C-alpha atoms as a PDB file:
ATOM      1  CA  UNK A   1      18.287 -69.145  57.780  1.00  0.00           C
ATOM      2  CA  UNK A   2      15.183 -68.169  59.769  1.00  0.00           C
ATOM      3  CA  UNK A   3      12.921 -69.096  57.012  1.00  0.00           C
ATOM      4  CA  UNK A   4      14.486 -72.558  56.644  1.00  0.00           C
ATOM      5  CA  UNK A   5      14.330 -73.030  60.245  1.00  0.00           C
ATOM      6  CA  UNK A   6      10.468 -72.356  60.196  1.00  0.00           C
ATOM      7  CA  UNK A   7      10.331 -74.757  57.240  1.00  0.00           C
ATOM      8  CA  UNK A   8      12.010 -77.488  59.218  1.00  0.00           C
ATOM      9  CA  UNK A   9       9.747 -76.917  62.260  1.00  0.00           C
ATOM     10  CA  UNK A  10       6.703 -77.120  59.972  1.00  0.00           C
ATOM     11  CA  UNK A  11       7.893 -80.330  58.441  1.00  0.00           C
ATOM     12  CA  UNK A  12       8.677 -81.759  61.824  1.00  0.00           C
ATOM     13  CA  UNK A  13       5.207 -80.706  63.298  1.00  0.00           C
ATOM     14  CA  UNK A  14       3.406 -82.423  60.330  1.00  0.00           C
ATOM     15  CA  UNK A  15       5.378 -85.525  61.048  1.00  0.00           C
ATOM     16  CA  UNK A  16       4.812 -85.579  64.631  1.00  0.00           C
ATOM     17  CA  UNK A  17       1.010 -84.832  64.279  1.00  0.00           C
ATOM     18  CA  UNK A  18       0.785 -88.205  62.277  1.00  0.00           C
ATOM     19  CA  UNK A  19       3.146 -90.268  64.533  1.00  0.00           C
ATOM     20  CA  UNK A  20       5.808 -90.531  61.667  1.00  0.00           C
ATOM     21  CA  UNK A  21       9.479 -90.517  62.462  1.00  0.00           C
ATOM     22  CA  UNK A  22      12.171 -89.377  59.892  1.00  0.00           C
ATOM     23  CA  UNK A  23      15.679 -88.210  60.501  1.00  0.00           C
ATOM     24  CA  UNK A  24      16.564 -84.560  59.431  1.00  0.00           C
ATOM     25  CA  UNK A  25      18.888 -86.046  56.913  1.00  0.00           C
ATOM     26  CA  UNK A  26      15.554 -87.122  55.070  1.00  0.00           C
ATOM     27  CA  UNK A  27      14.095 -83.748  54.805  1.00  0.00           C
ATOM     28  CA  UNK A  28      14.036 -82.163  51.473  1.00  0.00           C
ATOM     29  CA  UNK A  29      13.103 -78.447  50.676  1.00  0.00           C
ATOM     30  CA  UNK A  30      12.038 -78.019  47.162  1.00  0.00           C
ATOM     31  CA  UNK A  31      13.453 -74.567  46.141  1.00  0.00           C
ATOM     32  CA  UNK A  32      15.888 -73.421  43.343  1.00  0.00           C
ATOM     33  CA  UNK A  33      17.494 -76.395  41.443  1.00  0.00           C
ATOM     34  CA  UNK A  34      15.404 -79.033  43.179  1.00  0.00           C
ATOM     35  CA  UNK A  35      12.368 -77.783  41.374  1.00  0.00           C
ATOM     36  CA  UNK A  36      13.103 -79.962  38.309  1.00  0.00           C
ATOM     37  CA  UNK A  37      12.999 -83.176  40.399  1.00  0.00           C
ATOM     38  CA  UNK A  38       9.767 -84.888  40.827  1.00  0.00           C
ATOM     39  CA  UNK A  39       8.486 -86.870  43.863  1.00  0.00           C
ATOM     40  CA  UNK A  40       5.362 -88.856  44.613  1.00  0.00           C
ATOM     41  CA  UNK A  41       3.868 -88.992  48.014  1.00  0.00           C
ATOM     42  CA  UNK A  42       1.055 -88.328  50.468  1.00  0.00           C
ATOM     43  CA  UNK A  43       0.322 -84.807  51.865  1.00  0.00           C
ATOM     44  CA  UNK A  44       0.767 -84.898  55.583  1.00  0.00           C
ATOM     45  CA  UNK A  45       0.594 -81.034  56.169  1.00  0.00           C
ATOM     46  CA  UNK A  46      -0.609 -77.858  54.251  1.00  0.00           C
ATOM     47  CA  UNK A  47      -0.765 -74.242  55.159  1.00  0.00           C
ATOM     48  CA  UNK A  48       0.420 -70.777  54.276  1.00  0.00           C
ATOM     49  CA  UNK A  49       4.040 -70.439  53.048  1.00  0.00           C
ATOM     50  CA  UNK A  50       6.696 -69.159  55.308  1.00  0.00           C
ATOM     51  CA  UNK A  51       6.287 -65.650  53.609  1.00  0.00           C
ATOM     52  CA  UNK A  52       2.709 -65.082  54.785  1.00  0.00           C
ATOM     53  CA  UNK A  53       2.370 -61.980  52.659  1.00  0.00           C
ATOM     54  CA  UNK A  54       2.476 -64.118  49.405  1.00  0.00           C
ATOM     55  CA  UNK A  55      -0.403 -66.021  47.831  1.00  0.00           C
ATOM     56  CA  UNK A  56       1.501 -69.272  48.104  1.00  0.00           C
ATOM     57  CA  UNK A  57       0.650 -72.358  50.068  1.00  0.00           C
ATOM     58  CA  UNK A  58       3.017 -75.090  51.271  1.00  0.00           C
ATOM     59  CA  UNK A  59       2.693 -78.777  51.403  1.00  0.00           C
ATOM     60  CA  UNK A  60       4.653 -81.412  53.526  1.00  0.00           C
ATOM     61  CA  UNK A  61       4.713 -84.706  51.569  1.00  0.00           C
ATOM     62  CA  UNK A  62       5.569 -87.986  52.899  1.00  0.00           C
ATOM     63  CA  UNK A  63       7.382 -89.208  49.720  1.00  0.00           C
ATOM     64  CA  UNK A  64       7.340 -92.756  48.418  1.00  0.00           C
ATOM     65  CA  UNK A  65      11.286 -92.339  48.434  1.00  0.00           C
ATOM     66  CA  UNK A  66      11.122 -92.437  52.164  1.00  0.00           C
ATOM     67  CA  UNK A  67      12.081 -88.719  52.410  1.00  0.00           C
ATOM     68  CA  UNK A  68       9.810 -85.863  53.618  1.00  0.00           C
ATOM     69  CA  UNK A  69       9.427 -83.091  51.091  1.00  0.00           C
ATOM     70  CA  UNK A  70       8.467 -79.349  51.610  1.00  0.00           C
ATOM     71  CA  UNK A  71       7.225 -77.545  48.534  1.00  0.00           C
ATOM     72  CA  UNK A  72       5.311 -74.268  47.926  1.00  0.00           C
ATOM     73  CA  UNK A  73       2.928 -73.455  45.086  1.00  0.00           C
ATOM     74  CA  UNK A  74       0.536 -70.710  44.049  1.00  0.00           C
ATOM     75  CA  UNK A  75      -2.741 -70.824  45.880  1.00  0.00           C
ATOM     76  CA  UNK A  76      -4.653 -71.530  42.884  1.00  0.00           C
ATOM     77  CA  UNK A  77      -2.728 -74.914  42.406  1.00  0.00           C
ATOM     78  CA  UNK A  78      -3.427 -75.965  45.933  1.00  0.00           C
ATOM     79  CA  UNK A  79      -7.206 -75.725  45.856  1.00  0.00           C
ATOM     80  CA  UNK A  80      -7.764 -79.512  45.466  1.00  0.00           C
ATOM     81  CA  UNK A  81      -4.958 -80.692  47.620  1.00  0.00           C
ATOM     82  CA  UNK A  82      -5.980 -82.103  51.015  1.00  0.00           C
ATOM     83  CA  UNK A  83      -4.269 -83.832  53.820  1.00  0.00           C
ATOM     84  CA  UNK A  84      -4.039 -87.535  52.610  1.00  0.00           C
ATOM     85  CA  UNK A  85      -4.038 -86.741  48.957  1.00  0.00           C
ATOM     86  CA  UNK A  86      -1.395 -88.369  46.886  1.00  0.00           C
ATOM     87  CA  UNK A  87       0.527 -85.785  44.859  1.00  0.00           C
ATOM     88  CA  UNK A  88       3.461 -85.431  42.475  1.00  0.00           C
ATOM     89  CA  UNK A  89       5.767 -82.509  43.380  1.00  0.00           C
ATOM     90  CA  UNK A  90       7.588 -81.112  40.397  1.00  0.00           C
ATOM     91  CA  UNK A  91       7.729 -78.087  38.028  1.00  0.00           C
ATOM     92  CA  UNK A  92       4.215 -77.196  36.880  1.00  0.00           C
ATOM     93  CA  UNK A  93       3.243 -75.135  33.927  1.00  0.00           C
ATOM     94  CA  UNK A  94       0.277 -73.040  34.781  1.00  0.00           C
ATOM     95  CA  UNK A  95      -2.259 -72.023  32.205  1.00  0.00           C
ATOM     96  CA  UNK A  96      -3.172 -68.218  31.931  1.00  0.00           C
ATOM     97  CA  UNK A  97      -5.698 -67.156  34.455  1.00  0.00           C
ATOM     98  CA  UNK A  98      -9.046 -65.548  33.162  1.00  0.00           C
ATOM     99  CA  UNK A  99      -8.473 -62.669  35.475  1.00  0.00           C
ATOM    100  CA  UNK A 100      -5.038 -62.005  33.786  1.00  0.00           C
ATOM    101  CA  UNK A 101      -6.470 -62.231  30.358  1.00  0.00           C
ATOM    102  CA  UNK A 102      -9.147 -59.683  31.380  1.00  0.00           C
ATOM    103  CA  UNK A 103      -6.563 -57.387  32.753  1.00  0.00           C
ATOM    104  CA  UNK A 104      -4.372 -57.518  29.782  1.00  0.00           C
ATOM    105  CA  UNK A 105      -7.519 -57.069  27.647  1.00  0.00           C
ATOM    106  CA  UNK A 106      -8.485 -53.813  29.548  1.00  0.00           C
ATOM    107  CA  UNK A 107      -4.941 -52.530  29.588  1.00  0.00           C
ATOM    108  CA  UNK A 108      -4.093 -53.077  25.953  1.00  0.00           C
ATOM    109  CA  UNK A 109      -7.396 -52.565  24.150  1.00  0.00           C
ATOM    110  CA  UNK A 110      -7.449 -48.830  24.382  1.00  0.00           C
ATOM    111  CA  UNK A 111      -5.712 -48.593  27.795  1.00  0.00           C
ATOM    112  CA  UNK A 112      -2.260 -47.724  26.555  1.00  0.00           C
ATOM    113  CA  UNK A 113      -0.846 -50.473  28.958  1.00  0.00           C
ATOM    114  CA  UNK A 114      -2.714 -49.096  31.975  1.00  0.00           C
ATOM    115  CA  UNK A 115      -5.312 -51.022  33.868  1.00  0.00           C
ATOM    116  CA  UNK A 116      -7.907 -48.809  35.367  1.00  0.00           C
ATOM    117  CA  UNK A 117     -10.335 -50.451  37.912  1.00  0.00           C
ATOM    118  CA  UNK A 118     -12.956 -47.767  37.445  1.00  0.00           C
ATOM    119  CA  UNK A 119     -13.055 -48.625  33.716  1.00  0.00           C
ATOM    120  CA  UNK A 120     -13.133 -52.330  34.668  1.00  0.00           C
ATOM    121  CA  UNK A 121     -15.969 -51.596  37.205  1.00  0.00           C
ATOM    122  CA  UNK A 122     -18.021 -49.910  34.492  1.00  0.00           C
ATOM    123  CA  UNK A 123     -17.646 -52.952  32.075  1.00  0.00           C
ATOM    124  CA  UNK A 124     -18.580 -55.364  34.921  1.00  0.00           C
ATOM    125  CA  UNK A 125     -21.646 -53.577  35.595  1.00  0.00           C
ATOM    126  CA  UNK A 126     -22.808 -53.944  32.048  1.00  0.00           C
ATOM    127  CA  UNK A 127     -22.140 -57.619  32.046  1.00  0.00           C
ATOM    128  CA  UNK A 128     -25.113 -59.916  31.863  1.00  0.00           C
ATOM    129  CA  UNK A 129     -23.430 -62.337  34.330  1.00  0.00           C
ATOM    130  CA  UNK A 130     -20.667 -61.221  36.747  1.00  0.00           C
ATOM    131  CA  UNK A 131     -18.649 -64.139  38.320  1.00  0.00           C
ATOM    132  CA  UNK A 132     -19.608 -64.144  41.894  1.00  0.00           C
ATOM    133  CA  UNK A 133     -22.641 -61.786  41.377  1.00  0.00           C
ATOM    134  CA  UNK A 134     -21.132 -58.427  42.579  1.00  0.00           C
ATOM    135  CA  UNK A 135     -19.284 -56.438  39.936  1.00  0.00           C
ATOM    136  CA  UNK A 136     -17.331 -54.576  42.968  1.00  0.00           C
ATOM    137  CA  UNK A 137     -16.188 -57.864  44.290  1.00  0.00           C
ATOM    138  CA  UNK A 138     -15.243 -59.136  40.842  1.00  0.00           C
ATOM    139  CA  UNK A 139     -13.069 -56.013  40.243  1.00  0.00           C
ATOM    140  CA  UNK A 140     -11.573 -56.328  43.749  1.00  0.00           C
ATOM    141  CA  UNK A 141     -10.612 -59.932  42.930  1.00  0.00           C
ATOM    142  CA  UNK A 142      -8.508 -58.545  40.057  1.00  0.00           C
ATOM    143  CA  UNK A 143      -6.910 -55.844  42.256  1.00  0.00           C
ATOM    144  CA  UNK A 144      -5.902 -58.530  44.689  1.00  0.00           C
ATOM    145  CA  UNK A 145      -4.122 -60.464  41.860  1.00  0.00           C
ATOM    146  CA  UNK A 146      -2.288 -57.304  40.678  1.00  0.00           C
ATOM    147  CA  UNK A 147      -1.206 -56.609  44.279  1.00  0.00           C
ATOM    148  CA  UNK A 148       0.303 -60.099  44.443  1.00  0.00           C
ATOM    149  CA  UNK A 149       1.999 -59.507  40.974  1.00  0.00           C
ATOM    150  CA  UNK A 150       3.217 -55.991  42.301  1.00  0.00           C
ATOM    151  CA  UNK A 151       4.931 -57.633  45.212  1.00  0.00           C
ATOM    152  CA  UNK A 152       6.723 -60.033  42.633  1.00  0.00           C
ATOM    153  CA  UNK A 153       7.782 -57.018  40.473  1.00  0.00           C
ATOM    154  CA  UNK A 154       5.601 -57.649  37.592  1.00  0.00           C
ATOM    155  CA  UNK A 155       3.275 -54.733  37.542  1.00  0.00           C
ATOM    156  CA  UNK A 156       3.555 -51.256  38.877  1.00  0.00           C
ATOM    157  CA  UNK A 157       0.823 -49.510  41.098  1.00  0.00           C
ATOM    158  CA  UNK A 158       0.278 -45.877  39.929  1.00  0.00           C
ATOM    159  CA  UNK A 159      -0.891 -43.024  42.114  1.00  0.00           C
ATOM    160  CA  UNK A 160      -4.266 -42.749  40.619  1.00  0.00           C
ATOM    161  CA  UNK A 161      -5.311 -46.366  41.463  1.00  0.00           C
ATOM    162  CA  UNK A 162      -4.333 -47.520  37.973  1.00  0.00           C
ATOM    163  CA  UNK A 163      -1.741 -50.213  37.133  1.00  0.00           C
ATOM    164  CA  UNK A 164       1.028 -50.159  34.665  1.00  0.00           C
ATOM    165  CA  UNK A 165       0.859 -53.538  32.850  1.00  0.00           C
ATOM    166  CA  UNK A 166       3.987 -54.648  30.969  1.00  0.00           C
ATOM    167  CA  UNK A 167       3.720 -55.790  27.293  1.00  0.00           C
ATOM    168  CA  UNK A 168       4.860 -59.465  28.439  1.00  0.00           C
ATOM    169  CA  UNK A 169       2.357 -59.416  31.178  1.00  0.00           C
ATOM    170  CA  UNK A 170       0.599 -62.663  30.437  1.00  0.00           C
ATOM    171  CA  UNK A 171       3.776 -64.684  30.045  1.00  0.00           C
ATOM    172  CA  UNK A 172       5.320 -63.080  33.386  1.00  0.00           C
ATOM    173  CA  UNK A 173       2.034 -63.842  35.280  1.00  0.00           C
ATOM    174  CA  UNK A 174       2.067 -67.422  33.981  1.00  0.00           C
ATOM    175  CA  UNK A 175       5.692 -67.772  34.952  1.00  0.00           C
ATOM    176  CA  UNK A 176       4.843 -66.385  38.207  1.00  0.00           C
ATOM    177  CA  UNK A 177       2.190 -69.127  38.872  1.00  0.00           C
ATOM    178  CA  UNK A 178       4.454 -71.942  37.372  1.00  0.00           C
ATOM    179  CA  UNK A 179       7.270 -71.166  39.766  1.00  0.00           C
ATOM    180  CA  UNK A 180       7.740 -74.025  42.328  1.00  0.00           C
END
């Protein structure tokens, strides 16, 4: 109930900041069964999700249906979304991330299902062009991704800084990014 209260306050604040009035009966929070419904509207608020430990972003949308909608999405989906953008809220199907493909490649091509950041770092140092330019930052970005997936119960961190990667990792990571 506390999280829902925070969401309602967020929606109200976004409306008030733009001088828009809507009754609470017109507030829609997109969770669970609502995810299959789609809505079009203008973004009037954006920020970290109520669970600030996740890699999720929320948007508040003034819908063309006259209602105000709150939805969360993976941070990767929210990059191009700005206040004033017209968006469609609905179930998205995420494409596999390049980082996830690299993690799976390292874990299953001789890794026995274990991702080892030190092995990845040695490969990154040998690469002609490392995204971002710094091999250590590149590997840290993969570890941040694994941390988010660990919190979601998809991967397991091992004592030796390695990660146990499940056989269906790419599908589960893609499902995680596709959730509403």
